[in-house]
Amino acid sequence: MTASYHPQHPDITDEMWNKIDQIIDNYRSVSGAIITVLRECQNIVNYLPVVLIDYISKGMNLSRSSVYGIASFYALFSMQPKGRHTIKMCLGTACFVKGIKEVVTRVSNAYSVEEGGTTDDRRFSLESVRCLGACGLAPVMVVNDDVHGAVTSEGIIKILDQYE
């Protein structure tokens, strides 16, 4: 968007707004490109705050409600801030039987974060998933792209200390 006005938001810098403008300019005339625009903008900001959804809707000449509807429908979009590191804890049967719930509780207590939430310092986002496809490593978790098997409530903090 070649407009010079950018709304104020603590998580979006001028440099980010400039990249967002470029994305909107690149896709404004492409029919059906809103998912691509939302994804690329989320990659810049790390989530889709309401002010950004409003800005995208104006730039793409779409209604705010339709853009919000798309952003809230698809699981790949988040309207809440995410941590620098995403912890995915497997709650599948093998992991559950081998004690993953105690690991989740330990992480939740140690970092003051609930499942589905993000730590106040945005270091971690904690997600539970039904299966990671690594039952032989149970209990298992993934931090970003790193798979950690045979995790225990006693050893989990040492593993997470590797991620600043």
N, C-alpha and C. Protein backbone atom coordinates (compact mmCIF):
# COMPACT_ATOMS: atom_id res chain seq x y z
N MET A 1 0.86 -1.16 0.00
CA MET A 1 0.00 0.00 0.00
C MET A 1 0.90 1.22 0.00
N THR A 2 0.77 2.03 -0.93
CA THR A 2 1.67 3.16 -1.03
C THR A 2 1.32 4.29 -0.07
N ALA A 3 0.35 4.08 0.78
CA ALA A 3 -0.01 5.08 1.79
C ALA A 3 1.12 5.20 2.81
N SER A 4 1.29 6.41 3.33
CA SER A 4 2.36 6.61 4.29
C SER A 4 1.86 6.42 5.72
N TYR A 5 0.56 6.29 5.92
CA TYR A 5 0.02 6.11 7.27
C TYR A 5 0.08 4.65 7.69
N HIS A 6 0.72 4.43 8.82
CA HIS A 6 0.75 3.10 9.41
C HIS A 6 0.21 3.21 10.83
N PRO A 7 -0.74 2.37 11.20
CA PRO A 7 -1.24 2.40 12.57
C PRO A 7 -0.12 2.09 13.56
N GLN A 8 -0.25 2.57 14.75
CA GLN A 8 0.73 2.27 15.79
C GLN A 8 0.39 0.94 16.45
N HIS A 9 1.39 0.11 16.60
CA HIS A 9 1.24 -1.16 17.30
C HIS A 9 2.60 -1.53 17.86
N PRO A 10 2.66 -1.92 19.13
CA PRO A 10 3.97 -2.18 19.75
C PRO A 10 4.77 -3.33 19.13
N ASP A 11 4.09 -4.24 18.45
CA ASP A 11 4.79 -5.38 17.87
C ASP A 11 5.15 -5.19 16.40
N ILE A 12 4.77 -4.05 15.81
CA ILE A 12 5.00 -3.85 14.38
C ILE A 12 5.85 -2.60 14.18
N THR A 13 7.05 -2.80 13.68
CA THR A 13 7.98 -1.69 13.43
C THR A 13 7.70 -1.06 12.07
N ASP A 14 8.30 0.10 11.82
CA ASP A 14 8.16 0.74 10.51
C ASP A 14 8.68 -0.15 9.39
N GLU A 15 9.77 -0.84 9.66
CA GLU A 15 10.32 -1.77 8.66
C GLU A 15 9.33 -2.88 8.34
N MET A 16 8.67 -3.39 9.37
CA MET A 16 7.65 -4.42 9.14
C MET A 16 6.49 -3.87 8.31
N TRP A 17 6.03 -2.65 8.65
CA TRP A 17 4.94 -2.04 7.88
C TRP A 17 5.33 -1.90 6.41
N ASN A 18 6.56 -1.53 6.16
CA ASN A 18 7.02 -1.39 4.77
C ASN A 18 6.96 -2.72 4.03
N LYS A 19 7.36 -3.80 4.70
CA LYS A 19 7.28 -5.14 4.09
C LYS A 19 5.82 -5.53 3.86
N ILE A 20 4.96 -5.21 4.82
CA ILE A 20 3.53 -5.50 4.69
C ILE A 20 2.95 -4.74 3.50
N ASP A 21 3.32 -3.47 3.36
CA ASP A 21 2.87 -2.68 2.20
C ASP A 21 3.28 -3.34 0.89
N GLN A 22 4.50 -3.84 0.85
CA GLN A 22 5.00 -4.48 -0.36
C GLN A 22 4.18 -5.74 -0.68
N ILE A 23 3.87 -6.53 0.34
CA ILE A 23 3.06 -7.73 0.14
C ILE A 23 1.69 -7.36 -0.41
N ILE A 24 1.06 -6.38 0.21
CA ILE A 24 -0.27 -5.94 -0.24
C ILE A 24 -0.19 -5.43 -1.68
N ASP A 25 0.81 -4.64 -1.99
CA ASP A 25 0.99 -4.14 -3.36
C ASP A 25 1.15 -5.29 -4.36
N ASN A 26 1.90 -6.32 -3.96
CA ASN A 26 2.15 -7.45 -4.86
C ASN A 26 0.89 -8.27 -5.15
N TYR A 27 -0.03 -8.32 -4.19
CA TYR A 27 -1.18 -9.23 -4.33
C TYR A 27 -2.53 -8.52 -4.48
N ARG A 28 -2.55 -7.20 -4.41
CA ARG A 28 -3.81 -6.45 -4.43
C ARG A 28 -4.69 -6.85 -5.61
N SER A 29 -4.13 -7.04 -6.76
CA SER A 29 -4.93 -7.32 -7.96
C SER A 29 -5.05 -8.82 -8.25
N VAL A 30 -4.56 -9.66 -7.35
CA VAL A 30 -4.64 -11.10 -7.55
C VAL A 30 -5.87 -11.65 -6.83
N SER A 31 -6.79 -12.14 -7.59
CA SER A 31 -8.02 -12.68 -7.00
C SER A 31 -7.72 -13.89 -6.11
N GLY A 32 -8.30 -13.91 -4.93
CA GLY A 32 -8.15 -15.05 -4.03
C GLY A 32 -6.82 -15.12 -3.31
N ALA A 33 -6.08 -14.02 -3.27
CA ALA A 33 -4.73 -14.05 -2.67
C ALA A 33 -4.72 -13.75 -1.18
N ILE A 34 -5.88 -13.59 -0.56
CA ILE A 34 -5.91 -13.15 0.83
C ILE A 34 -5.21 -14.13 1.78
N ILE A 35 -5.32 -15.41 1.55
CA ILE A 35 -4.65 -16.38 2.43
C ILE A 35 -3.14 -16.22 2.32
N THR A 36 -2.64 -16.02 1.13
CA THR A 36 -1.21 -15.79 0.93
C THR A 36 -0.77 -14.51 1.62
N VAL A 37 -1.55 -13.46 1.49
CA VAL A 37 -1.23 -12.18 2.13
C VAL A 37 -1.21 -12.33 3.64
N LEU A 38 -2.23 -12.98 4.19
CA LEU A 38 -2.27 -13.19 5.65
C LEU A 38 -1.07 -14.00 6.12
N ARG A 39 -0.74 -15.06 5.38
CA ARG A 39 0.38 -15.92 5.77
C ARG A 39 1.70 -15.14 5.74
N GLU A 40 1.93 -14.41 4.67
CA GLU A 40 3.18 -13.66 4.55
C GLU A 40 3.28 -12.55 5.60
N CYS A 41 2.16 -11.90 5.89
CA CYS A 41 2.17 -10.86 6.92
C CYS A 41 2.37 -11.47 8.31
N GLN A 42 1.76 -12.62 8.54
CA GLN A 42 1.97 -13.30 9.82
C GLN A 42 3.42 -13.72 9.97
N ASN A 43 4.06 -14.11 8.89
CA ASN A 43 5.48 -14.47 8.95
C ASN A 43 6.34 -13.28 9.37
N ILE A 44 5.91 -12.09 9.04
CA ILE A 44 6.66 -10.89 9.41
C ILE A 44 6.44 -10.53 10.87
N VAL A 45 5.18 -10.52 11.31
CA VAL A 45 4.83 -10.04 12.65
C VAL A 45 4.80 -11.18 13.68
N ASN A 46 4.65 -12.41 13.21
CA ASN A 46 4.58 -13.60 14.04
C ASN A 46 3.17 -13.91 14.51
N TYR A 47 2.22 -13.03 14.24
CA TYR A 47 0.80 -13.27 14.49
C TYR A 47 0.02 -12.19 13.76
N LEU A 48 -1.30 -12.24 13.85
CA LEU A 48 -2.15 -11.28 13.14
C LEU A 48 -2.98 -10.47 14.14
N PRO A 49 -2.41 -9.38 14.66
CA PRO A 49 -3.21 -8.54 15.55
C PRO A 49 -4.35 -7.87 14.77
N VAL A 50 -5.39 -7.46 15.48
CA VAL A 50 -6.57 -6.88 14.84
C VAL A 50 -6.20 -5.68 13.97
N VAL A 51 -5.28 -4.85 14.45
CA VAL A 51 -4.89 -3.67 13.66
C VAL A 51 -4.30 -4.08 12.32
N LEU A 52 -3.60 -5.19 12.27
CA LEU A 52 -3.03 -5.68 11.02
C LEU A 52 -4.12 -6.25 10.12
N ILE A 53 -5.05 -6.96 10.68
CA ILE A 53 -6.18 -7.49 9.89
C ILE A 53 -6.95 -6.34 9.25
N ASP A 54 -7.20 -5.28 10.03
CA ASP A 54 -7.89 -4.10 9.48
C ASP A 54 -7.09 -3.48 8.34
N TYR A 55 -5.79 -3.36 8.53
CA TYR A 55 -4.92 -2.75 7.53
C TYR A 55 -4.91 -3.58 6.24
N ILE A 56 -4.82 -4.90 6.39
CA ILE A 56 -4.82 -5.79 5.23
C ILE A 56 -6.16 -5.70 4.50
N SER A 57 -7.25 -5.69 5.25
CA SER A 57 -8.56 -5.64 4.61
C SER A 57 -8.72 -4.37 3.78
N LYS A 58 -8.26 -3.23 4.30
CA LYS A 58 -8.33 -1.99 3.54
C LYS A 58 -7.43 -2.05 2.31
N GLY A 59 -6.22 -2.55 2.51
CA GLY A 59 -5.27 -2.63 1.41
C GLY A 59 -5.69 -3.57 0.29
N MET A 60 -6.39 -4.63 0.67
CA MET A 60 -6.84 -5.62 -0.32
C MET A 60 -8.25 -5.32 -0.81
N ASN A 61 -8.85 -4.23 -0.28
CA ASN A 61 -10.21 -3.85 -0.64
C ASN A 61 -11.23 -4.96 -0.37
N LEU A 62 -11.09 -5.54 0.81
CA LEU A 62 -12.00 -6.60 1.27
C LEU A 62 -12.63 -6.15 2.59
N SER A 63 -13.77 -6.70 2.90
CA SER A 63 -14.40 -6.33 4.17
C SER A 63 -13.59 -6.88 5.34
N ARG A 64 -13.61 -6.12 6.41
CA ARG A 64 -12.90 -6.54 7.62
C ARG A 64 -13.44 -7.90 8.10
N SER A 65 -14.75 -8.08 8.04
CA SER A 65 -15.34 -9.32 8.54
C SER A 65 -14.91 -10.53 7.70
N SER A 66 -14.76 -10.36 6.40
CA SER A 66 -14.33 -11.51 5.58
C SER A 66 -12.87 -11.86 5.86
N VAL A 67 -12.01 -10.86 6.04
CA VAL A 67 -10.60 -11.13 6.34
C VAL A 67 -10.48 -11.74 7.74
N TYR A 68 -11.20 -11.20 8.70
CA TYR A 68 -11.21 -11.75 10.05
C TYR A 68 -11.73 -13.20 10.03
N GLY A 69 -12.77 -13.44 9.26
CA GLY A 69 -13.34 -14.79 9.15
C GLY A 69 -12.32 -15.79 8.63
N ILE A 70 -11.55 -15.40 7.65
CA ILE A 70 -10.52 -16.27 7.09
C ILE A 70 -9.42 -16.50 8.12
N ALA A 71 -8.97 -15.41 8.76
CA ALA A 71 -7.89 -15.52 9.75
C ALA A 71 -8.30 -16.37 10.95
N SER A 72 -9.56 -16.30 11.34
CA SER A 72 -10.00 -17.07 12.51
C SER A 72 -10.39 -18.50 12.16
N PHE A 73 -10.67 -18.77 10.88
CA PHE A 73 -11.09 -20.12 10.47
C PHE A 73 -9.91 -21.08 10.34
N TYR A 74 -8.84 -20.64 9.72
CA TYR A 74 -7.72 -21.52 9.43
C TYR A 74 -6.75 -21.63 10.61
N ALA A 75 -6.40 -22.86 10.96
CA ALA A 75 -5.53 -23.11 12.12
C ALA A 75 -4.12 -22.56 11.93
N LEU A 76 -3.70 -22.32 10.71
CA LEU A 76 -2.34 -21.82 10.49
C LEU A 76 -2.19 -20.36 10.90
N PHE A 77 -3.31 -19.68 11.13
CA PHE A 77 -3.25 -18.27 11.54
C PHE A 77 -3.47 -18.14 13.04
N SER A 78 -2.75 -17.19 13.62
CA SER A 78 -2.91 -16.91 15.03
C SER A 78 -3.14 -15.42 15.22
N MET A 79 -4.13 -15.09 16.02
CA MET A 79 -4.37 -13.69 16.34
C MET A 79 -3.83 -13.35 17.73
N GLN A 80 -3.13 -14.29 18.30
CA GLN A 80 -2.46 -14.09 19.59
C GLN A 80 -0.95 -14.17 19.36
N PRO A 81 -0.20 -13.38 20.11
CA PRO A 81 1.27 -13.43 19.96
C PRO A 81 1.80 -14.84 20.23
N LYS A 82 2.78 -15.22 19.47
CA LYS A 82 3.43 -16.53 19.63
C LYS A 82 4.83 -16.33 20.19
N GLY A 83 5.31 -17.37 20.83
CA GLY A 83 6.65 -17.33 21.38
C GLY A 83 7.71 -17.53 20.30
N ARG A 84 8.94 -17.22 20.66
CA ARG A 84 10.06 -17.44 19.73
C ARG A 84 10.24 -18.93 19.45
N HIS A 85 9.84 -19.75 20.43
CA HIS A 85 9.96 -21.20 20.30
C HIS A 85 8.60 -21.83 20.59
N THR A 86 8.20 -22.75 19.71
CA THR A 86 6.94 -23.45 19.90
C THR A 86 7.22 -24.85 20.42
N ILE A 87 6.62 -25.16 21.56
CA ILE A 87 6.73 -26.49 22.16
C ILE A 87 5.45 -27.23 21.83
N LYS A 88 5.59 -28.38 21.15
CA LYS A 88 4.44 -29.22 20.85
C LYS A 88 4.58 -30.50 21.67
N MET A 89 3.67 -30.69 22.58
CA MET A 89 3.67 -31.87 23.44
C MET A 89 2.67 -32.88 22.90
N CYS A 90 3.12 -34.11 22.69
CA CYS A 90 2.25 -35.16 22.18
C CYS A 90 1.41 -35.72 23.32
N LEU A 91 0.10 -35.70 23.15
CA LEU A 91 -0.81 -36.27 24.15
C LEU A 91 -1.44 -37.56 23.65
N GLY A 92 -0.82 -38.17 22.64
CA GLY A 92 -1.32 -39.45 22.13
C GLY A 92 -1.20 -40.53 23.19
N THR A 93 -1.79 -41.66 22.93
CA THR A 93 -1.87 -42.74 23.91
C THR A 93 -0.51 -43.17 24.45
N ALA A 94 0.44 -43.45 23.57
CA ALA A 94 1.76 -43.92 24.03
C ALA A 94 2.42 -42.87 24.91
N CYS A 95 2.36 -41.64 24.51
CA CYS A 95 2.99 -40.56 25.29
C CYS A 95 2.25 -40.34 26.62
N PHE A 96 0.93 -40.41 26.55
CA PHE A 96 0.13 -40.22 27.77
C PHE A 96 0.45 -41.29 28.80
N VAL A 97 0.50 -42.54 28.34
CA VAL A 97 0.79 -43.66 29.24
C VAL A 97 2.18 -43.53 29.85
N LYS A 98 3.12 -42.98 29.09
CA LYS A 98 4.50 -42.88 29.58
C LYS A 98 4.79 -41.56 30.32
N GLY A 99 3.75 -40.76 30.61
CA GLY A 99 3.92 -39.63 31.52
C GLY A 99 4.03 -38.24 30.93
N ILE A 100 3.56 -38.02 29.71
CA ILE A 100 3.68 -36.69 29.12
C ILE A 100 2.89 -35.65 29.89
N LYS A 101 1.80 -36.05 30.54
CA LYS A 101 0.99 -35.07 31.28
C LYS A 101 1.80 -34.43 32.41
N GLU A 102 2.65 -35.21 33.07
CA GLU A 102 3.51 -34.66 34.12
C GLU A 102 4.52 -33.68 33.53
N VAL A 103 5.00 -33.99 32.33
CA VAL A 103 5.95 -33.09 31.65
C VAL A 103 5.25 -31.77 31.32
N VAL A 104 4.04 -31.85 30.79
CA VAL A 104 3.27 -30.65 30.45
C VAL A 104 3.03 -29.81 31.71
N THR A 105 2.67 -30.47 32.79
CA THR A 105 2.44 -29.77 34.06
C THR A 105 3.71 -29.07 34.53
N ARG A 106 4.83 -29.74 34.41
CA ARG A 106 6.11 -29.15 34.83
C ARG A 106 6.44 -27.91 34.01
N VAL A 107 6.26 -27.99 32.70
CA VAL A 107 6.51 -26.85 31.82
C VAL A 107 5.54 -25.71 32.16
N SER A 108 4.29 -26.06 32.31
CA SER A 108 3.27 -25.06 32.63
C SER A 108 3.59 -24.32 33.92
N ASN A 109 3.99 -25.06 34.95
CA ASN A 109 4.32 -24.45 36.23
C ASN A 109 5.64 -23.66 36.17
N ALA A 110 6.64 -24.21 35.52
CA ALA A 110 7.96 -23.56 35.48
C ALA A 110 7.96 -22.26 34.68
N TYR A 111 7.15 -22.20 33.64
CA TYR A 111 7.16 -21.04 32.76
C TYR A 111 5.86 -20.22 32.81
N SER A 112 4.98 -20.57 33.74
CA SER A 112 3.70 -19.86 33.89
C SER A 112 2.97 -19.74 32.55
N VAL A 113 2.78 -20.88 31.91
CA VAL A 113 2.10 -20.90 30.61
C VAL A 113 1.12 -22.08 30.59
N GLU A 114 -0.06 -21.83 30.09
CA GLU A 114 -1.06 -22.87 29.93
C GLU A 114 -0.98 -23.46 28.53
N GLU A 115 -1.53 -24.65 28.36
CA GLU A 115 -1.59 -25.24 27.03
C GLU A 115 -2.36 -24.29 26.12
N GLY A 116 -1.79 -24.04 24.95
CA GLY A 116 -2.40 -23.12 24.01
C GLY A 116 -1.98 -21.68 24.24
N GLY A 117 -1.14 -21.44 25.25
CA GLY A 117 -0.74 -20.08 25.59
C GLY A 117 0.72 -19.80 25.26
N THR A 118 1.11 -18.58 25.57
CA THR A 118 2.47 -18.09 25.34
C THR A 118 2.98 -17.44 26.61
N THR A 119 4.24 -17.65 26.91
CA THR A 119 4.83 -17.04 28.09
C THR A 119 4.81 -15.52 27.95
N ASP A 120 4.77 -14.82 29.07
CA ASP A 120 4.72 -13.35 29.05
C ASP A 120 5.89 -12.73 28.30
N ASP A 121 7.06 -13.38 28.38
CA ASP A 121 8.24 -12.86 27.69
C ASP A 121 8.31 -13.33 26.23
N ARG A 122 7.31 -14.06 25.80
CA ARG A 122 7.20 -14.60 24.43
C ARG A 122 8.36 -15.52 24.06
N ARG A 123 8.90 -16.15 25.06
CA ARG A 123 9.96 -17.12 24.80
C ARG A 123 9.36 -18.42 24.25
N PHE A 124 8.27 -18.90 24.87
CA PHE A 124 7.67 -20.17 24.47
C PHE A 124 6.17 -20.04 24.23
N SER A 125 5.69 -20.80 23.25
CA SER A 125 4.27 -21.09 23.09
C SER A 125 4.14 -22.58 23.35
N LEU A 126 3.14 -22.97 24.12
CA LEU A 126 2.95 -24.37 24.50
C LEU A 126 1.69 -24.90 23.83
N GLU A 127 1.86 -25.92 23.02
CA GLU A 127 0.74 -26.53 22.32
C GLU A 127 0.70 -28.02 22.63
N SER A 128 -0.52 -28.54 22.70
CA SER A 128 -0.66 -29.99 22.81
C SER A 128 -1.19 -30.49 21.48
N VAL A 129 -0.67 -31.64 21.05
CA VAL A 129 -1.09 -32.24 19.79
C VAL A 129 -1.49 -33.69 20.07
N ARG A 130 -2.29 -34.25 19.22
CA ARG A 130 -2.78 -35.62 19.42
C ARG A 130 -1.74 -36.67 19.07
N CYS A 131 -0.89 -36.40 18.09
CA CYS A 131 0.13 -37.38 17.72
C CYS A 131 1.23 -36.70 16.93
N LEU A 132 2.45 -37.06 17.24
CA LEU A 132 3.60 -36.55 16.48
C LEU A 132 4.20 -37.63 15.59
N GLY A 133 3.64 -38.83 15.63
CA GLY A 133 4.12 -39.89 14.77
C GLY A 133 5.46 -40.47 15.19
N ALA A 134 5.78 -40.34 16.46
CA ALA A 134 7.06 -40.85 16.96
C ALA A 134 6.82 -41.64 18.24
N CYS A 135 5.87 -42.56 18.19
CA CYS A 135 5.46 -43.31 19.38
C CYS A 135 6.61 -44.11 20.00
N GLY A 136 7.55 -44.53 19.20
CA GLY A 136 8.70 -45.27 19.71
C GLY A 136 9.60 -44.42 20.60
N LEU A 137 9.46 -43.11 20.54
CA LEU A 137 10.26 -42.19 21.36
C LEU A 137 9.48 -41.69 22.58
N ALA A 138 8.29 -42.20 22.78
CA ALA A 138 7.38 -41.68 23.81
C ALA A 138 8.03 -41.66 25.20
N PRO A 139 7.68 -40.64 25.97
CA PRO A 139 6.91 -39.47 25.59
C PRO A 139 7.76 -38.50 24.79
N VAL A 140 7.13 -37.87 23.81
CA VAL A 140 7.88 -37.06 22.85
C VAL A 140 7.31 -35.64 22.77
N MET A 141 8.21 -34.71 22.46
CA MET A 141 7.80 -33.33 22.19
C MET A 141 8.68 -32.80 21.06
N VAL A 142 8.20 -31.75 20.43
CA VAL A 142 8.96 -31.06 19.40
C VAL A 142 9.08 -29.61 19.83
N VAL A 143 10.30 -29.09 19.80
CA VAL A 143 10.52 -27.66 20.03
C VAL A 143 11.03 -27.12 18.71
N ASN A 144 10.26 -26.22 18.13
CA ASN A 144 10.51 -25.72 16.78
C ASN A 144 10.54 -26.92 15.84
N ASP A 145 11.70 -27.30 15.32
CA ASP A 145 11.81 -28.48 14.46
C ASP A 145 12.60 -29.60 15.11
N ASP A 146 12.96 -29.44 16.39
CA ASP A 146 13.78 -30.42 17.09
C ASP A 146 12.91 -31.41 17.84
N VAL A 147 13.08 -32.69 17.54
CA VAL A 147 12.32 -33.75 18.21
C VAL A 147 13.09 -34.20 19.45
N HIS A 148 12.39 -34.27 20.57
CA HIS A 148 12.98 -34.75 21.82
C HIS A 148 12.15 -35.92 22.32
N GLY A 149 12.81 -37.09 22.43
CA GLY A 149 12.12 -38.28 22.88
C GLY A 149 12.48 -38.64 24.31
N ALA A 150 11.67 -39.51 24.89
CA ALA A 150 11.86 -40.00 26.25
C ALA A 150 12.01 -38.84 27.25
N VAL A 151 11.21 -37.79 27.04
CA VAL A 151 11.27 -36.64 27.93
C VAL A 151 10.65 -36.98 29.28
N THR A 152 11.20 -36.40 30.31
CA THR A 152 10.70 -36.62 31.67
C THR A 152 10.44 -35.28 32.33
N SER A 153 9.63 -35.30 33.36
CA SER A 153 9.37 -34.06 34.09
C SER A 153 10.63 -33.57 34.78
N GLU A 154 11.54 -34.51 35.11
CA GLU A 154 12.80 -34.13 35.75
C GLU A 154 13.77 -33.48 34.77
N GLY A 155 13.74 -33.88 33.50
CA GLY A 155 14.72 -33.40 32.53
C GLY A 155 14.23 -32.32 31.58
N ILE A 156 12.95 -32.00 31.64
CA ILE A 156 12.39 -31.09 30.65
C ILE A 156 12.97 -29.68 30.72
N ILE A 157 13.22 -29.18 31.91
CA ILE A 157 13.73 -27.80 32.05
C ILE A 157 15.13 -27.69 31.45
N LYS A 158 15.95 -28.71 31.65
CA LYS A 158 17.30 -28.70 31.07
C LYS A 158 17.22 -28.65 29.54
N ILE A 159 16.27 -29.38 28.97
CA ILE A 159 16.10 -29.36 27.51
C ILE A 159 15.67 -27.96 27.06
N LEU A 160 14.71 -27.38 27.75
CA LEU A 160 14.18 -26.08 27.34
C LEU A 160 15.16 -24.94 27.59
N ASP A 161 16.10 -25.13 28.52
CA ASP A 161 17.12 -24.11 28.76
C ASP A 161 17.99 -23.86 27.53
N GLN A 162 18.00 -24.81 26.58
CA GLN A 162 18.80 -24.65 25.35
C GLN A 162 18.18 -23.61 24.42
N TYR A 163 16.93 -23.24 24.67
CA TYR A 163 16.21 -22.34 23.77
C TYR A 163 15.99 -20.99 24.42
N GLU A 164 16.75 -20.02 23.95
CA GLU A 164 16.59 -18.66 24.48
C GLU A 164 15.62 -17.93 23.61
